[in-house]
Amino acid sequence: MSIITWIVLGLISGFIASKIVTGAGKGILVDLLLGVVGAVLGGAVFRFLGEPGVTGLNLWSILVSITGAVLVLGAYHALSGPGTRTRLR
């Protein structure tokens, strides 16, 4: 995949994952980084489980990267303490 594809995939998945976990986005840069890290982690987890990982800019890859980004965001909130959580309204 090209760097542009990783950026687009990371932005989409990071934004959706931050909405799932906290109900609010963290900003474009944090959402992008979270999404790219989540795509890599999600791809590794899915490959470990015997499924294809991130294969391009398609629905399967978005699902994989959102799963990874939710894991990364959950770990971030677990390690950063209670002061950084956003309450759902």
PDB file of N, CA and C in Angstrom:
ATOM      1  N   MET A   1       0.846  -1.183   0.000  1.00  0.00           N
ATOM      2  CA  MET A   1       0.000   0.000   0.000  1.00  0.00           C
ATOM      3  C   MET A   1       0.884   1.236   0.000  1.00  0.00           C
ATOM      4  N   SER A   2       0.389   2.276  -0.617  1.00  0.00           N
ATOM      5  CA  SER A   2       1.137   3.525  -0.646  1.00  0.00           C
ATOM      6  C   SER A   2       0.934   4.296   0.658  1.00  0.00           C
ATOM      7  N   ILE A   3       1.764   5.281   0.867  1.00  0.00           N
ATOM      8  CA  ILE A   3       1.681   6.093   2.084  1.00  0.00           C
ATOM      9  C   ILE A   3       0.366   6.867   2.122  1.00  0.00           C
ATOM     10  N   ILE A   4      -0.129   7.282   0.961  1.00  0.00           N
ATOM     11  CA  ILE A   4      -1.407   7.994   0.906  1.00  0.00           C
ATOM     12  C   ILE A   4      -2.546   7.070   1.365  1.00  0.00           C
ATOM     13  N   THR A   5      -2.504   5.819   0.946  1.00  0.00           N
ATOM     14  CA  THR A   5      -3.528   4.859   1.356  1.00  0.00           C
ATOM     15  C   THR A   5      -3.490   4.635   2.858  1.00  0.00           C
ATOM     16  N   TRP A   6      -2.277   4.513   3.437  1.00  0.00           N
ATOM     17  CA  TRP A   6      -2.150   4.344   4.884  1.00  0.00           C
ATOM     18  C   TRP A   6      -2.707   5.565   5.619  1.00  0.00           C
ATOM     19  N   ILE A   7      -2.451   6.757   5.089  1.00  0.00           N
ATOM     20  CA  ILE A   7      -2.942   7.977   5.739  1.00  0.00           C
ATOM     21  C   ILE A   7      -4.465   8.026   5.698  1.00  0.00           C
ATOM     22  N   VAL A   8      -5.042   7.744   4.538  1.00  0.00           N
ATOM     23  CA  VAL A   8      -6.508   7.763   4.410  1.00  0.00           C
ATOM     24  C   VAL A   8      -7.127   6.696   5.313  1.00  0.00           C
ATOM     25  N   LEU A   9      -6.589   5.490   5.271  1.00  0.00           N
ATOM     26  CA  LEU A   9      -7.101   4.407   6.111  1.00  0.00           C
ATOM     27  C   LEU A   9      -6.944   4.751   7.592  1.00  0.00           C
ATOM     28  N   GLY A  10      -5.807   5.314   7.965  1.00  0.00           N
ATOM     29  CA  GLY A  10      -5.566   5.696   9.353  1.00  0.00           C
ATOM     30  C   GLY A  10      -6.502   6.785   9.830  1.00  0.00           C
ATOM     31  N   LEU A  11      -6.769   7.746   8.973  1.00  0.00           N
ATOM     32  CA  LEU A  11      -7.662   8.839   9.348  1.00  0.00           C
ATOM     33  C   LEU A  11      -9.086   8.338   9.540  1.00  0.00           C
ATOM     34  N   ILE A  12      -9.551   7.506   8.630  1.00  0.00           N
ATOM     35  CA  ILE A  12     -10.902   6.961   8.736  1.00  0.00           C
ATOM     36  C   ILE A  12     -11.044   6.097   9.987  1.00  0.00           C
ATOM     37  N   SER A  13     -10.133   5.160  10.156  1.00  0.00           N
ATOM     38  CA  SER A  13     -10.260   4.223  11.280  1.00  0.00           C
ATOM     39  C   SER A  13      -9.998   4.897  12.622  1.00  0.00           C
ATOM     40  N   GLY A  14      -9.058   5.813  12.674  1.00  0.00           N
ATOM     41  CA  GLY A  14      -8.794   6.517  13.931  1.00  0.00           C
ATOM     42  C   GLY A  14      -9.967   7.364  14.372  1.00  0.00           C
ATOM     43  N   PHE A  15     -10.606   8.040  13.426  1.00  0.00           N
ATOM     44  CA  PHE A  15     -11.762   8.868  13.751  1.00  0.00           C
ATOM     45  C   PHE A  15     -12.921   8.004  14.246  1.00  0.00           C
ATOM     46  N   ILE A  16     -13.212   6.925  13.531  1.00  0.00           N
ATOM     47  CA  ILE A  16     -14.321   6.047  13.921  1.00  0.00           C
ATOM     48  C   ILE A  16     -14.042   5.391  15.274  1.00  0.00           C
ATOM     49  N   ALA A  17     -12.810   4.935  15.492  1.00  0.00           N
ATOM     50  CA  ALA A  17     -12.471   4.289  16.764  1.00  0.00           C
ATOM     51  C   ALA A  17     -12.577   5.273  17.927  1.00  0.00           C
ATOM     52  N   SER A  18     -12.141   6.514  17.733  1.00  0.00           N
ATOM     53  CA  SER A  18     -12.237   7.483  18.824  1.00  0.00           C
ATOM     54  C   SER A  18     -13.695   7.821  19.120  1.00  0.00           C
ATOM     55  N   LYS A  19     -14.553   7.800  18.100  1.00  0.00           N
ATOM     56  CA  LYS A  19     -15.987   8.007  18.336  1.00  0.00           C
ATOM     57  C   LYS A  19     -16.594   6.825  19.088  1.00  0.00           C
ATOM     58  N   ILE A  20     -16.134   5.613  18.796  1.00  0.00           N
ATOM     59  CA  ILE A  20     -16.646   4.424  19.468  1.00  0.00           C
ATOM     60  C   ILE A  20     -16.238   4.419  20.935  1.00  0.00           C
ATOM     61  N   VAL A  21     -14.980   4.723  21.212  1.00  0.00           N
ATOM     62  CA  VAL A  21     -14.456   4.593  22.571  1.00  0.00           C
ATOM     63  C   VAL A  21     -14.820   5.790  23.443  1.00  0.00           C
ATOM     64  N   THR A  22     -14.647   7.005  22.950  1.00  0.00           N
ATOM     65  CA  THR A  22     -14.846   8.181  23.804  1.00  0.00           C
ATOM     66  C   THR A  22     -16.032   9.034  23.419  1.00  0.00           C
ATOM     67  N   GLY A  23     -16.575   8.843  22.243  1.00  0.00           N
ATOM     68  CA  GLY A  23     -17.696   9.662  21.802  1.00  0.00           C
ATOM     69  C   GLY A  23     -17.277  10.964  21.150  1.00  0.00           C
ATOM     70  N   ALA A  24     -15.983  11.249  21.116  1.00  0.00           N
ATOM     71  CA  ALA A  24     -15.486  12.477  20.504  1.00  0.00           C
ATOM     72  C   ALA A  24     -14.141  12.197  19.860  1.00  0.00           C
ATOM     73  N   GLY A  25     -13.861  12.879  18.771  1.00  0.00           N
ATOM     74  CA  GLY A  25     -12.565  12.740  18.128  1.00  0.00           C
ATOM     75  C   GLY A  25     -11.476  13.386  18.953  1.00  0.00           C
ATOM     76  N   LYS A  26     -10.244  12.988  18.721  1.00  0.00           N
ATOM     77  CA  LYS A  26      -9.113  13.526  19.467  1.00  0.00           C
ATOM     78  C   LYS A  26      -8.356  14.588  18.679  1.00  0.00           C
ATOM     79  N   GLY A  27      -8.815  14.939  17.499  1.00  0.00           N
ATOM     80  CA  GLY A  27      -8.094  15.847  16.634  1.00  0.00           C
ATOM     81  C   GLY A  27      -7.531  15.076  15.453  1.00  0.00           C
ATOM     82  N   ILE A  28      -7.303  15.773  14.362  1.00  0.00           N
ATOM     83  CA  ILE A  28      -6.928  15.089  13.129  1.00  0.00           C
ATOM     84  C   ILE A  28      -5.600  14.349  13.252  1.00  0.00           C
ATOM     85  N   LEU A  29      -4.614  14.938  13.902  1.00  0.00           N
ATOM     86  CA  LEU A  29      -3.302  14.294  14.003  1.00  0.00           C
ATOM     87  C   LEU A  29      -3.338  13.061  14.894  1.00  0.00           C
ATOM     88  N   VAL A  30      -3.974  13.171  16.048  1.00  0.00           N
ATOM     89  CA  VAL A  30      -4.063  12.032  16.962  1.00  0.00           C
ATOM     90  C   VAL A  30      -4.915  10.926  16.353  1.00  0.00           C
ATOM     91  N   ASP A  31      -6.028  11.284  15.707  1.00  0.00           N
ATOM     92  CA  ASP A  31      -6.864  10.281  15.043  1.00  0.00           C
ATOM     93  C   ASP A  31      -6.077   9.569  13.945  1.00  0.00           C
ATOM     94  N   LEU A  32      -5.285  10.317  13.197  1.00  0.00           N
ATOM     95  CA  LEU A  32      -4.483   9.725  12.125  1.00  0.00           C
ATOM     96  C   LEU A  32      -3.441   8.762  12.675  1.00  0.00           C
ATOM     97  N   LEU A  33      -2.689   9.190  13.671  1.00  0.00           N
ATOM     98  CA  LEU A  33      -1.665   8.323  14.262  1.00  0.00           C
ATOM     99  C   LEU A  33      -2.283   7.092  14.912  1.00  0.00           C
ATOM    100  N   LEU A  34      -3.365   7.302  15.623  1.00  0.00           N
ATOM    101  CA  LEU A  34      -4.068   6.186  16.252  1.00  0.00           C
ATOM    102  C   LEU A  34      -4.555   5.196  15.206  1.00  0.00           C
ATOM    103  N   GLY A  35      -5.082   5.708  14.117  1.00  0.00           N
ATOM    104  CA  GLY A  35      -5.580   4.835  13.060  1.00  0.00           C
ATOM    105  C   GLY A  35      -4.493   4.039  12.376  1.00  0.00           C
ATOM    106  N   VAL A  36      -3.347   4.660  12.093  1.00  0.00           N
ATOM    107  CA  VAL A  36      -2.246   3.948  11.449  1.00  0.00           C
ATOM    108  C   VAL A  36      -1.680   2.883  12.383  1.00  0.00           C
ATOM    109  N   VAL A  37      -1.471   3.236  13.645  1.00  0.00           N
ATOM    110  CA  VAL A  37      -0.996   2.247  14.620  1.00  0.00           C
ATOM    111  C   VAL A  37      -2.035   1.138  14.779  1.00  0.00           C
ATOM    112  N   GLY A  38      -3.305   1.519  14.809  1.00  0.00           N
ATOM    113  CA  GLY A  38      -4.371   0.530  14.912  1.00  0.00           C
ATOM    114  C   GLY A  38      -4.432  -0.389  13.704  1.00  0.00           C
ATOM    115  N   ALA A  39      -4.182   0.156  12.516  1.00  0.00           N
ATOM    116  CA  ALA A  39      -4.183  -0.665  11.301  1.00  0.00           C
ATOM    117  C   ALA A  39      -3.062  -1.699  11.360  1.00  0.00           C
ATOM    118  N   VAL A  40      -1.903  -1.278  11.806  1.00  0.00           N
ATOM    119  CA  VAL A  40      -0.770  -2.206  11.919  1.00  0.00           C
ATOM    120  C   VAL A  40      -1.064  -3.267  12.977  1.00  0.00           C
ATOM    121  N   LEU A  41      -1.536  -2.839  14.149  1.00  0.00           N
ATOM    122  CA  LEU A  41      -1.852  -3.784  15.216  1.00  0.00           C
ATOM    123  C   LEU A  41      -3.003  -4.701  14.828  1.00  0.00           C
ATOM    124  N   GLY A  42      -4.057  -4.137  14.259  1.00  0.00           N
ATOM    125  CA  GLY A  42      -5.191  -4.947  13.834  1.00  0.00           C
ATOM    126  C   GLY A  42      -4.795  -5.957  12.769  1.00  0.00           C
ATOM    127  N   GLY A  43      -3.949  -5.541  11.818  1.00  0.00           N
ATOM    128  CA  GLY A  43      -3.470  -6.466  10.796  1.00  0.00           C
ATOM    129  C   GLY A  43      -2.682  -7.611  11.397  1.00  0.00           C
ATOM    130  N   ALA A  44      -1.845  -7.302  12.386  1.00  0.00           N
ATOM    131  CA  ALA A  44      -1.050  -8.341  13.039  1.00  0.00           C
ATOM    132  C   ALA A  44      -1.947  -9.313  13.816  1.00  0.00           C
ATOM    133  N   VAL A  45      -2.933  -8.771  14.530  1.00  0.00           N
ATOM    134  CA  VAL A  45      -3.839  -9.618  15.309  1.00  0.00           C
ATOM    135  C   VAL A  45      -4.652 -10.523  14.383  1.00  0.00           C
ATOM    136  N   PHE A  46      -5.183  -9.959  13.306  1.00  0.00           N
ATOM    137  CA  PHE A  46      -5.993 -10.758  12.393  1.00  0.00           C
ATOM    138  C   PHE A  46      -5.157 -11.815  11.682  1.00  0.00           C
ATOM    139  N   ARG A  47      -3.913 -11.481  11.304  1.00  0.00           N
ATOM    140  CA  ARG A  47      -3.038 -12.477  10.680  1.00  0.00           C
ATOM    141  C   ARG A  47      -2.717 -13.591  11.674  1.00  0.00           C
ATOM    142  N   PHE A  48      -2.516 -13.246  12.939  1.00  0.00           N
ATOM    143  CA  PHE A  48      -2.254 -14.241  13.977  1.00  0.00           C
ATOM    144  C   PHE A  48      -3.433 -15.204  14.122  1.00  0.00           C
ATOM    145  N   LEU A  49      -4.643 -14.680  13.938  1.00  0.00           N
ATOM    146  CA  LEU A  49      -5.853 -15.494  14.048  1.00  0.00           C
ATOM    147  C   LEU A  49      -6.170 -16.247  12.754  1.00  0.00           C
ATOM    148  N   GLY A  50      -5.326 -16.086  11.726  1.00  0.00           N
ATOM    149  CA  GLY A  50      -5.509 -16.817  10.483  1.00  0.00           C
ATOM    150  C   GLY A  50      -6.346 -16.110   9.437  1.00  0.00           C
ATOM    151  N   GLU A  51      -6.678 -14.877   9.668  1.00  0.00           N
ATOM    152  CA  GLU A  51      -7.467 -14.078   8.719  1.00  0.00           C
ATOM    153  C   GLU A  51      -6.531 -13.118   7.987  1.00  0.00           C
ATOM    154  N   PRO A  52      -6.951 -12.625   6.817  1.00  0.00           N
ATOM    155  CA  PRO A  52      -6.121 -11.617   6.145  1.00  0.00           C
ATOM    156  C   PRO A  52      -6.107 -10.322   6.948  1.00  0.00           C
ATOM    157  N   GLY A  53      -4.991  -9.640   6.931  1.00  0.00           N
ATOM    158  CA  GLY A  53      -4.876  -8.363   7.630  1.00  0.00           C
ATOM    159  C   GLY A  53      -5.338  -7.228   6.744  1.00  0.00           C
ATOM    160  N   VAL A  54      -4.616  -6.131   6.776  1.00  0.00           N
ATOM    161  CA  VAL A  54      -4.929  -4.972   5.955  1.00  0.00           C
ATOM    162  C   VAL A  54      -4.489  -5.278   4.525  1.00  0.00           C
ATOM    163  N   THR A  55      -5.442  -5.196   3.596  1.00  0.00           N
ATOM    164  CA  THR A  55      -5.164  -5.583   2.214  1.00  0.00           C
ATOM    165  C   THR A  55      -5.244  -4.425   1.237  1.00  0.00           C
ATOM    166  N   GLY A  56      -5.609  -3.267   1.669  1.00  0.00           N
ATOM    167  CA  GLY A  56      -5.764  -2.104   0.794  1.00  0.00           C
ATOM    168  C   GLY A  56      -6.826  -1.192   1.366  1.00  0.00           C
ATOM    169  N   LEU A  57      -7.312  -0.300   0.553  1.00  0.00           N
ATOM    170  CA  LEU A  57      -8.354   0.624   1.010  1.00  0.00           C
ATOM    171  C   LEU A  57      -9.705   0.019   0.645  1.00  0.00           C
ATOM    172  N   ASN A  58     -10.194  -0.858   1.511  1.00  0.00           N
ATOM    173  CA  ASN A  58     -11.476  -1.529   1.298  1.00  0.00           C
ATOM    174  C   ASN A  58     -12.170  -1.710   2.642  1.00  0.00           C
ATOM    175  N   LEU A  59     -13.390  -2.208   2.601  1.00  0.00           N
ATOM    176  CA  LEU A  59     -14.191  -2.337   3.816  1.00  0.00           C
ATOM    177  C   LEU A  59     -13.556  -3.279   4.837  1.00  0.00           C
ATOM    178  N   TRP A  60     -12.973  -4.391   4.370  1.00  0.00           N
ATOM    179  CA  TRP A  60     -12.323  -5.341   5.285  1.00  0.00           C
ATOM    180  C   TRP A  60     -11.170  -4.668   6.023  1.00  0.00           C
ATOM    181  N   SER A  61     -10.333  -3.937   5.296  1.00  0.00           N
ATOM    182  CA  SER A  61      -9.180  -3.279   5.914  1.00  0.00           C
ATOM    183  C   SER A  61      -9.617  -2.209   6.900  1.00  0.00           C
ATOM    184  N   ILE A  62     -10.707  -1.508   6.599  1.00  0.00           N
ATOM    185  CA  ILE A  62     -11.220  -0.505   7.532  1.00  0.00           C
ATOM    186  C   ILE A  62     -11.700  -1.188   8.815  1.00  0.00           C
ATOM    187  N   LEU A  63     -12.387  -2.306   8.687  1.00  0.00           N
ATOM    188  CA  LEU A  63     -12.834  -3.066   9.863  1.00  0.00           C
ATOM    189  C   LEU A  63     -11.646  -3.540  10.698  1.00  0.00           C
ATOM    190  N   VAL A  64     -10.625  -4.071  10.037  1.00  0.00           N
ATOM    191  CA  VAL A  64      -9.420  -4.546  10.732  1.00  0.00           C
ATOM    192  C   VAL A  64      -8.739  -3.386  11.451  1.00  0.00           C
ATOM    193  N   SER A  65      -8.585  -2.260  10.760  1.00  0.00           N
ATOM    194  CA  SER A  65      -7.870  -1.136  11.377  1.00  0.00           C
ATOM    195  C   SER A  65      -8.693  -0.474  12.479  1.00  0.00           C
ATOM    196  N   ILE A  66     -10.013  -0.450  12.363  1.00  0.00           N
ATOM    197  CA  ILE A  66     -10.846   0.081  13.449  1.00  0.00           C
ATOM    198  C   ILE A  66     -10.717  -0.806  14.685  1.00  0.00           C
ATOM    199  N   THR A  67     -10.716  -2.116  14.478  1.00  0.00           N
ATOM    200  CA  THR A  67     -10.534  -3.045  15.599  1.00  0.00           C
ATOM    201  C   THR A  67      -9.207  -2.784  16.302  1.00  0.00           C
ATOM    202  N   GLY A  68      -8.145  -2.643  15.528  1.00  0.00           N
ATOM    203  CA  GLY A  68      -6.838  -2.351  16.118  1.00  0.00           C
ATOM    204  C   GLY A  68      -6.795  -1.003  16.799  1.00  0.00           C
ATOM    205  N   ALA A  69      -7.428   0.008  16.193  1.00  0.00           N
ATOM    206  CA  ALA A  69      -7.429   1.344  16.777  1.00  0.00           C
ATOM    207  C   ALA A  69      -8.225   1.384  18.078  1.00  0.00           C
ATOM    208  N   VAL A  70      -9.314   0.618  18.166  1.00  0.00           N
ATOM    209  CA  VAL A  70     -10.077   0.535  19.416  1.00  0.00           C
ATOM    210  C   VAL A  70      -9.210  -0.098  20.506  1.00  0.00           C
ATOM    211  N   LEU A  71      -8.450  -1.132  20.148  1.00  0.00           N
ATOM    212  CA  LEU A  71      -7.533  -1.749  21.121  1.00  0.00           C
ATOM    213  C   LEU A  71      -6.468  -0.758  21.587  1.00  0.00           C
ATOM    214  N   VAL A  72      -5.904  -0.012  20.648  1.00  0.00           N
ATOM    215  CA  VAL A  72      -4.866   0.970  20.992  1.00  0.00           C
ATOM    216  C   VAL A  72      -5.450   2.075  21.862  1.00  0.00           C
ATOM    217  N   LEU A  73      -6.619   2.582  21.495  1.00  0.00           N
ATOM    218  CA  LEU A  73      -7.237   3.649  22.273  1.00  0.00           C
ATOM    219  C   LEU A  73      -7.639   3.163  23.665  1.00  0.00           C
ATOM    220  N   GLY A  74      -8.139   1.936  23.766  1.00  0.00           N
ATOM    221  CA  GLY A  74      -8.465   1.374  25.078  1.00  0.00           C
ATOM    222  C   GLY A  74      -7.236   1.239  25.955  1.00  0.00           C
ATOM    223  N   ALA A  75      -6.131   0.791  25.376  1.00  0.00           N
ATOM    224  CA  ALA A  75      -4.876   0.686  26.129  1.00  0.00           C
ATOM    225  C   ALA A  75      -4.374   2.063  26.540  1.00  0.00           C
ATOM    226  N   TYR A  76      -4.504   3.038  25.651  1.00  0.00           N
ATOM    227  CA  TYR A  76      -4.085   4.410  25.964  1.00  0.00           C
ATOM    228  C   TYR A  76      -4.854   4.949  27.169  1.00  0.00           C
ATOM    229  N   HIS A  77      -6.158   4.765  27.172  1.00  0.00           N
ATOM    230  CA  HIS A  77      -6.967   5.261  28.288  1.00  0.00           C
ATOM    231  C   HIS A  77      -6.701   4.478  29.568  1.00  0.00           C
ATOM    232  N   ALA A  78      -6.432   3.191  29.450  1.00  0.00           N
ATOM    233  CA  ALA A  78      -6.137   2.387  30.635  1.00  0.00           C
ATOM    234  C   ALA A  78      -4.816   2.817  31.278  1.00  0.00           C
ATOM    235  N   LEU A  79      -3.847   3.179  30.456  1.00  0.00           N
ATOM    236  CA  LEU A  79      -2.529   3.565  30.976  1.00  0.00           C
ATOM    237  C   LEU A  79      -2.440   5.027  31.383  1.00  0.00           C
ATOM    238  N   SER A  80      -3.269   5.884  30.796  1.00  0.00           N
ATOM    239  CA  SER A  80      -3.132   7.315  31.060  1.00  0.00           C
ATOM    240  C   SER A  80      -3.882   7.781  32.299  1.00  0.00           C
ATOM    241  N   GLY A  81      -4.744   6.953  32.843  1.00  0.00           N
ATOM    242  CA  GLY A  81      -5.419   7.323  34.079  1.00  0.00           C
ATOM    243  C   GLY A  81      -6.786   7.913  33.835  1.00  0.00           C
ATOM    244  N   PRO A  82      -7.523   8.139  34.923  1.00  0.00           N
ATOM    245  CA  PRO A  82      -8.913   8.574  34.805  1.00  0.00           C
ATOM    246  C   PRO A  82      -9.084  10.026  34.375  1.00  0.00           C
ATOM    247  N   GLY A  83      -8.091  10.850  34.467  1.00  0.00           N
ATOM    248  CA  GLY A  83      -8.221  12.267  34.150  1.00  0.00           C
ATOM    249  C   GLY A  83      -8.366  12.558  32.669  1.00  0.00           C
ATOM    250  N   THR A  84      -8.041  11.630  31.790  1.00  0.00           N
ATOM    251  CA  THR A  84      -8.065  11.923  30.353  1.00  0.00           C
ATOM    252  C   THR A  84      -9.271  11.328  29.654  1.00  0.00           C
ATOM    253  N   ARG A  85     -10.151  10.690  30.355  1.00  0.00           N
ATOM    254  CA  ARG A  85     -11.324  10.087  29.727  1.00  0.00           C
ATOM    255  C   ARG A  85     -12.384  11.153  29.465  1.00  0.00           C
ATOM    256  N   THR A  86     -13.081  11.008  28.370  1.00  0.00           N
ATOM    257  CA  THR A  86     -14.178  11.897  28.033  1.00  0.00           C
ATOM    258  C   THR A  86     -15.480  11.187  28.369  1.00  0.00           C
ATOM    259  N   ARG A  87     -16.341  11.878  29.104  1.00  0.00           N
ATOM    260  CA  ARG A  87     -17.608  11.275  29.475  1.00  0.00           C
ATOM    261  C   ARG A  87     -18.598  11.342  28.329  1.00  0.00           C
ATOM    262  N   LEU A  88     -19.316  10.242  28.145  1.00  0.00           N
ATOM    263  CA  LEU A  88     -20.385  10.230  27.142  1.00  0.00           C
ATOM    264  C   LEU A  88     -21.589  10.944  27.703  1.00  0.00           C
ATOM    265  N   ARG A  89     -22.286  11.672  26.856  1.00  0.00           N
ATOM    266  CA  ARG A  89     -23.461  12.404  27.333  1.00  0.00           C
ATOM    267  C   ARG A  89     -24.699  11.781  26.805  1.00  0.00           C
TER     268      ARG A  89
END
